[in-house]
Amino acid sequence: MKSNNDIRQYAKSKGVLLWEIAEKLNIYDGNFSRKLRKELPDNEKTKVIGIIDNIAKSKAAAAE
C-alpha cells in the first residue's frame, strides 16, 4: 500500500490539490494535511486514492 508521501505524490501527478481531497472528505485542508503527518490506515488510504482518481477524472471531463 502507498505511504502518505506516495499519496501526496500521486495527487500531484494527477493534478489534484490537497484541499480538493479534504473538501471531498468534508474536512478542512489544514486538518487533512495534519492527518497526513502520521501513516493512515490502509482502508483510509484506499479511500483517498479513490477520491484522487475521481477528482482527476472530473477535471479531465471538464477540460474536454
PDB file of N, CA and C in Angstrom:
ATOM      1  N   MET A   1       0.851  -1.183   0.000  1.00  0.00           N
ATOM      2  CA  MET A   1       0.000   0.000   0.000  1.00  0.00           C
ATOM      3  C   MET A   1       0.892   1.240   0.000  1.00  0.00           C
ATOM      4  N   LYS A   2       0.378   2.284  -0.525  1.00  0.00           N
ATOM      5  CA  LYS A   2       1.129   3.538  -0.615  1.00  0.00           C
ATOM      6  C   LYS A   2       1.340   4.172   0.759  1.00  0.00           C
ATOM      7  N   SER A   3       2.452   4.871   0.899  1.00  0.00           N
ATOM      8  CA  SER A   3       2.682   5.644   2.125  1.00  0.00           C
ATOM      9  C   SER A   3       2.023   7.009   1.946  1.00  0.00           C
ATOM     10  N   ASN A   4       1.956   7.761   3.015  1.00  0.00           N
ATOM     11  CA  ASN A   4       1.344   9.084   2.924  1.00  0.00           C
ATOM     12  C   ASN A   4       2.100   9.975   1.939  1.00  0.00           C
ATOM     13  N   ASN A   5       3.417   9.830   1.890  1.00  0.00           N
ATOM     14  CA  ASN A   5       4.193  10.618   0.930  1.00  0.00           C
ATOM     15  C   ASN A   5       3.845  10.213  -0.496  1.00  0.00           C
ATOM     16  N   ASP A   6       3.623   8.919  -0.706  1.00  0.00           N
ATOM     17  CA  ASP A   6       3.207   8.443  -2.027  1.00  0.00           C
ATOM     18  C   ASP A   6       1.849   9.015  -2.402  1.00  0.00           C
ATOM     19  N   ILE A   7       0.976   9.169  -1.416  1.00  0.00           N
ATOM     20  CA  ILE A   7      -0.346   9.744  -1.674  1.00  0.00           C
ATOM     21  C   ILE A   7      -0.190  11.192  -2.132  1.00  0.00           C
ATOM     22  N   ARG A   8       0.681  11.945  -1.467  1.00  0.00           N
ATOM     23  CA  ARG A   8       0.929  13.342  -1.874  1.00  0.00           C
ATOM     24  C   ARG A   8       1.462  13.389  -3.316  1.00  0.00           C
ATOM     25  N   GLN A   9       2.414  12.523  -3.619  1.00  0.00           N
ATOM     26  CA  GLN A   9       2.997  12.492  -4.966  1.00  0.00           C
ATOM     27  C   GLN A   9       1.963  12.052  -6.003  1.00  0.00           C
ATOM     28  N   TYR A  10       1.134  11.078  -5.646  1.00  0.00           N
ATOM     29  CA  TYR A  10       0.102  10.588  -6.561  1.00  0.00           C
ATOM     30  C   TYR A  10      -0.889  11.709  -6.876  1.00  0.00           C
ATOM     31  N   ALA A  11      -1.307  12.434  -5.850  1.00  0.00           N
ATOM     32  CA  ALA A  11      -2.235  13.549  -6.055  1.00  0.00           C
ATOM     33  C   ALA A  11      -1.598  14.591  -6.974  1.00  0.00           C
ATOM     34  N   LYS A  12      -0.337  14.901  -6.720  1.00  0.00           N
ATOM     35  CA  LYS A  12       0.374  15.893  -7.525  1.00  0.00           C
ATOM     36  C   LYS A  12       0.469  15.442  -8.982  1.00  0.00           C
ATOM     37  N   SER A  13       0.761  14.155  -9.192  1.00  0.00           N
ATOM     38  CA  SER A  13       0.899  13.642 -10.560  1.00  0.00           C
ATOM     39  C   SER A  13      -0.427  13.669 -11.318  1.00  0.00           C
ATOM     40  N   LYS A  14      -1.529  13.610 -10.574  1.00  0.00           N
ATOM     41  CA  LYS A  14      -2.861  13.641 -11.195  1.00  0.00           C
ATOM     42  C   LYS A  14      -3.416  15.060 -11.294  1.00  0.00           C
ATOM     43  N   GLY A  15      -2.658  16.041 -10.768  1.00  0.00           N
ATOM     44  CA  GLY A  15      -3.118  17.424 -10.808  1.00  0.00           C
ATOM     45  C   GLY A  15      -4.202  17.724  -9.792  1.00  0.00           C
ATOM     46  N   VAL A  16      -4.207  16.963  -8.707  1.00  0.00           N
ATOM     47  CA  VAL A  16      -5.216  17.125  -7.658  1.00  0.00           C
ATOM     48  C   VAL A  16      -4.548  17.789  -6.454  1.00  0.00           C
ATOM     49  N   LEU A  17      -5.183  18.842  -5.955  1.00  0.00           N
ATOM     50  CA  LEU A  17      -4.652  19.567  -4.808  1.00  0.00           C
ATOM     51  C   LEU A  17      -5.190  18.972  -3.512  1.00  0.00           C
ATOM     52  N   LEU A  18      -4.401  19.099  -2.448  1.00  0.00           N
ATOM     53  CA  LEU A  18      -4.797  18.507  -1.165  1.00  0.00           C
ATOM     54  C   LEU A  18      -6.106  19.095  -0.644  1.00  0.00           C
ATOM     55  N   TRP A  19      -6.352  20.376  -0.899  1.00  0.00           N
ATOM     56  CA  TRP A  19      -7.597  20.963  -0.410  1.00  0.00           C
ATOM     57  C   TRP A  19      -8.809  20.365  -1.129  1.00  0.00           C
ATOM     58  N   GLU A  20      -8.620  19.926  -2.365  1.00  0.00           N
ATOM     59  CA  GLU A  20      -9.721  19.295  -3.104  1.00  0.00           C
ATOM     60  C   GLU A  20     -10.072  17.939  -2.480  1.00  0.00           C
ATOM     61  N   ILE A  21      -9.048  17.220  -2.045  1.00  0.00           N
ATOM     62  CA  ILE A  21      -9.277  15.937  -1.374  1.00  0.00           C
ATOM     63  C   ILE A  21      -9.989  16.187  -0.051  1.00  0.00           C
ATOM     64  N   ALA A  22      -9.494  17.162   0.709  1.00  0.00           N
ATOM     65  CA  ALA A  22     -10.099  17.493   2.006  1.00  0.00           C
ATOM     66  C   ALA A  22     -11.567  17.861   1.842  1.00  0.00           C
ATOM     67  N   GLU A  23     -11.870  18.622   0.797  1.00  0.00           N
ATOM     68  CA  GLU A  23     -13.264  19.023   0.548  1.00  0.00           C
ATOM     69  C   GLU A  23     -14.157  17.796   0.360  1.00  0.00           C
ATOM     70  N   LYS A  24     -13.671  16.808  -0.374  1.00  0.00           N
ATOM     71  CA  LYS A  24     -14.446  15.577  -0.593  1.00  0.00           C
ATOM     72  C   LYS A  24     -14.598  14.764   0.689  1.00  0.00           C
ATOM     73  N   LEU A  25     -13.632  14.903   1.594  1.00  0.00           N
ATOM     74  CA  LEU A  25     -13.699  14.204   2.888  1.00  0.00           C
ATOM     75  C   LEU A  25     -14.498  15.003   3.923  1.00  0.00           C
ATOM     76  N   ASN A  26     -14.952  16.203   3.509  1.00  0.00           N
ATOM     77  CA  ASN A  26     -15.701  17.110   4.395  1.00  0.00           C
ATOM     78  C   ASN A  26     -14.906  17.521   5.620  1.00  0.00           C
ATOM     79  N   ILE A  27     -13.606  17.804   5.394  1.00  0.00           N
ATOM     80  CA  ILE A  27     -12.757  18.325   6.470  1.00  0.00           C
ATOM     81  C   ILE A  27     -11.979  19.524   5.919  1.00  0.00           C
ATOM     82  N   TYR A  28     -11.439  20.346   6.812  1.00  0.00           N
ATOM     83  CA  TYR A  28     -10.618  21.476   6.396  1.00  0.00           C
ATOM     84  C   TYR A  28      -9.295  20.974   5.847  1.00  0.00           C
ATOM     85  N   ASP A  29      -8.744  21.726   4.891  1.00  0.00           N
ATOM     86  CA  ASP A  29      -7.487  21.293   4.271  1.00  0.00           C
ATOM     87  C   ASP A  29      -6.341  21.210   5.278  1.00  0.00           C
ATOM     88  N   GLY A  30      -6.319  22.100   6.266  1.00  0.00           N
ATOM     89  CA  GLY A  30      -5.290  22.027   7.304  1.00  0.00           C
ATOM     90  C   GLY A  30      -5.380  20.747   8.109  1.00  0.00           C
ATOM     91  N   ASN A  31      -6.605  20.323   8.376  1.00  0.00           N
ATOM     92  CA  ASN A  31      -6.796  19.076   9.115  1.00  0.00           C
ATOM     93  C   ASN A  31      -6.327  17.881   8.296  1.00  0.00           C
ATOM     94  N   PHE A  32      -6.566  17.923   6.983  1.00  0.00           N
ATOM     95  CA  PHE A  32      -6.130  16.830   6.127  1.00  0.00           C
ATOM     96  C   PHE A  32      -4.605  16.766   6.080  1.00  0.00           C
ATOM     97  N   SER A  33      -3.967  17.921   5.975  1.00  0.00           N
ATOM     98  CA  SER A  33      -2.502  17.956   5.960  1.00  0.00           C
ATOM     99  C   SER A  33      -1.934  17.398   7.265  1.00  0.00           C
ATOM    100  N   ARG A  34      -2.574  17.743   8.379  1.00  0.00           N
ATOM    101  CA  ARG A  34      -2.124  17.213   9.672  1.00  0.00           C
ATOM    102  C   ARG A  34      -2.336  15.702   9.744  1.00  0.00           C
ATOM    103  N   LYS A  35      -3.435  15.228   9.154  1.00  0.00           N
ATOM    104  CA  LYS A  35      -3.700  13.785   9.130  1.00  0.00           C
ATOM    105  C   LYS A  35      -2.581  13.033   8.416  1.00  0.00           C
ATOM    106  N   LEU A  36      -2.041  13.655   7.386  1.00  0.00           N
ATOM    107  CA  LEU A  36      -1.012  13.002   6.580  1.00  0.00           C
ATOM    108  C   LEU A  36       0.351  12.955   7.278  1.00  0.00           C
ATOM    109  N   ARG A  37       0.474  13.609   8.417  1.00  0.00           N
ATOM    110  CA  ARG A  37       1.741  13.575   9.157  1.00  0.00           C
ATOM    111  C   ARG A  37       2.026  12.187   9.718  1.00  0.00           C
ATOM    112  N   LYS A  38       0.966  11.438  10.014  1.00  0.00           N
ATOM    113  CA  LYS A  38       1.113  10.063  10.514  1.00  0.00           C
ATOM    114  C   LYS A  38       0.504   9.127   9.486  1.00  0.00           C
ATOM    115  N   GLU A  39       1.038   7.914   9.420  1.00  0.00           N
ATOM    116  CA  GLU A  39       0.543   6.945   8.438  1.00  0.00           C
ATOM    117  C   GLU A  39      -0.949   6.700   8.622  1.00  0.00           C
ATOM    118  N   LEU A  40      -1.669   6.777   7.524  1.00  0.00           N
ATOM    119  CA  LEU A  40      -3.098   6.488   7.543  1.00  0.00           C
ATOM    120  C   LEU A  40      -3.305   4.972   7.506  1.00  0.00           C
ATOM    121  N   PRO A  41      -4.419   4.502   8.060  1.00  0.00           N
ATOM    122  CA  PRO A  41      -4.745   3.080   7.918  1.00  0.00           C
ATOM    123  C   PRO A  41      -4.986   2.751   6.433  1.00  0.00           C
ATOM    124  N   ASP A  42      -4.753   1.510   6.053  1.00  0.00           N
ATOM    125  CA  ASP A  42      -4.886   1.114   4.651  1.00  0.00           C
ATOM    126  C   ASP A  42      -6.258   1.427   4.075  1.00  0.00           C
ATOM    127  N   ASN A  43      -7.323   1.224   4.854  1.00  0.00           N
ATOM    128  CA  ASN A  43      -8.663   1.480   4.313  1.00  0.00           C
ATOM    129  C   ASN A  43      -8.861   2.968   4.014  1.00  0.00           C
ATOM    130  N   GLU A  44      -8.257   3.833   4.822  1.00  0.00           N
ATOM    131  CA  GLU A  44      -8.369   5.275   4.577  1.00  0.00           C
ATOM    132  C   GLU A  44      -7.519   5.682   3.373  1.00  0.00           C
ATOM    133  N   LYS A  45      -6.356   5.065   3.211  1.00  0.00           N
ATOM    134  CA  LYS A  45      -5.514   5.337   2.044  1.00  0.00           C
ATOM    135  C   LYS A  45      -6.251   4.955   0.764  1.00  0.00           C
ATOM    136  N   THR A  46      -6.908   3.810   0.784  1.00  0.00           N
ATOM    137  CA  THR A  46      -7.666   3.358  -0.381  1.00  0.00           C
ATOM    138  C   THR A  46      -8.766   4.360  -0.717  1.00  0.00           C
ATOM    139  N   LYS A  47      -9.433   4.868   0.299  1.00  0.00           N
ATOM    140  CA  LYS A  47     -10.498   5.857   0.105  1.00  0.00           C
ATOM    141  C   LYS A  47      -9.927   7.134  -0.513  1.00  0.00           C
ATOM    142  N   VAL A  48      -8.791   7.609  -0.005  1.00  0.00           N
ATOM    143  CA  VAL A  48      -8.171   8.833  -0.512  1.00  0.00           C
ATOM    144  C   VAL A  48      -7.722   8.655  -1.956  1.00  0.00           C
ATOM    145  N   ILE A  49      -7.159   7.507  -2.286  1.00  0.00           N
ATOM    146  CA  ILE A  49      -6.729   7.240  -3.661  1.00  0.00           C
ATOM    147  C   ILE A  49      -7.933   7.251  -4.602  1.00  0.00           C
ATOM    148  N   GLY A  50      -9.039   6.674  -4.158  1.00  0.00           N
ATOM    149  CA  GLY A  50     -10.267   6.700  -4.955  1.00  0.00           C
ATOM    150  C   GLY A  50     -10.758   8.121  -5.176  1.00  0.00           C
ATOM    151  N   ILE A  51     -10.675   8.940  -4.148  1.00  0.00           N
ATOM    152  CA  ILE A  51     -11.082  10.346  -4.263  1.00  0.00           C
ATOM    153  C   ILE A  51     -10.184  11.075  -5.255  1.00  0.00           C
ATOM    154  N   ILE A  52      -8.880  10.828  -5.175  1.00  0.00           N
ATOM    155  CA  ILE A  52      -7.942  11.455  -6.117  1.00  0.00           C
ATOM    156  C   ILE A  52      -8.302  11.075  -7.546  1.00  0.00           C
ATOM    157  N   ASP A  53      -8.562   9.789  -7.774  1.00  0.00           N
ATOM    158  CA  ASP A  53      -8.919   9.327  -9.117  1.00  0.00           C
ATOM    159  C   ASP A  53     -10.207   9.988  -9.609  1.00  0.00           C
ATOM    160  N   ASN A  54     -11.201  10.098  -8.726  1.00  0.00           N
ATOM    161  CA  ASN A  54     -12.474  10.719  -9.118  1.00  0.00           C
ATOM    162  C   ASN A  54     -12.313  12.194  -9.448  1.00  0.00           C
ATOM    163  N   ILE A  55     -11.539  12.908  -8.648  1.00  0.00           N
ATOM    164  CA  ILE A  55     -11.303  14.326  -8.909  1.00  0.00           C
ATOM    165  C   ILE A  55     -10.566  14.500 -10.233  1.00  0.00           C
ATOM    166  N   ALA A  56      -9.537  13.683 -10.458  1.00  0.00           N
ATOM    167  CA  ALA A  56      -8.767  13.767 -11.702  1.00  0.00           C
ATOM    168  C   ALA A  56      -9.657  13.478 -12.903  1.00  0.00           C
ATOM    169  N   LYS A  57     -10.534  12.494 -12.764  1.00  0.00           N
ATOM    170  CA  LYS A  57     -11.458  12.151 -13.843  1.00  0.00           C
ATOM    171  C   LYS A  57     -12.418  13.305 -14.135  1.00  0.00           C
ATOM    172  N   SER A  58     -12.914  13.939 -13.078  1.00  0.00           N
ATOM    173  CA  SER A  58     -13.820  15.073 -13.231  1.00  0.00           C
ATOM    174  C   SER A  58     -13.126  16.233 -13.916  1.00  0.00           C
ATOM    175  N   LYS A  59     -11.873  16.492 -13.539  1.00  0.00           N
ATOM    176  CA  LYS A  59     -11.118  17.577 -14.147  1.00  0.00           C
ATOM    177  C   LYS A  59     -10.872  17.297 -15.621  1.00  0.00           C
ATOM    178  N   ALA A  60     -10.561  16.052 -15.964  1.00  0.00           N
ATOM    179  CA  ALA A  60     -10.315  15.685 -17.353  1.00  0.00           C
ATOM    180  C   ALA A  60     -11.584  15.849 -18.179  1.00  0.00           C
ATOM    181  N   ALA A  61     -12.728  15.463 -17.606  1.00  0.00           N
ATOM    182  CA  ALA A  61     -14.001  15.588 -18.316  1.00  0.00           C
ATOM    183  C   ALA A  61     -14.358  17.063 -18.522  1.00  0.00           C
ATOM    184  N   ALA A  62     -14.064  17.887 -17.533  1.00  0.00           N
ATOM    185  CA  ALA A  62     -14.377  19.321 -17.636  1.00  0.00           C
ATOM    186  C   ALA A  62     -13.484  20.010 -18.670  1.00  0.00           C
ATOM    187  N   ALA A  63     -12.296  19.487 -18.856  1.00  0.00           N
ATOM    188  CA  ALA A  63     -11.360  20.086 -19.798  1.00  0.00           C
ATOM    189  C   ALA A  63     -11.695  19.749 -21.256  1.00  0.00           C
ATOM    190  N   GLU A  64     -12.514  18.744 -21.442  1.00  0.00           N
ATOM    191  CA  GLU A  64     -12.856  18.331 -22.819  1.00  0.00           C
ATOM    192  C   GLU A  64     -13.886  19.220 -23.441  1.00  0.00           C
TER     193      GLU A  64
END
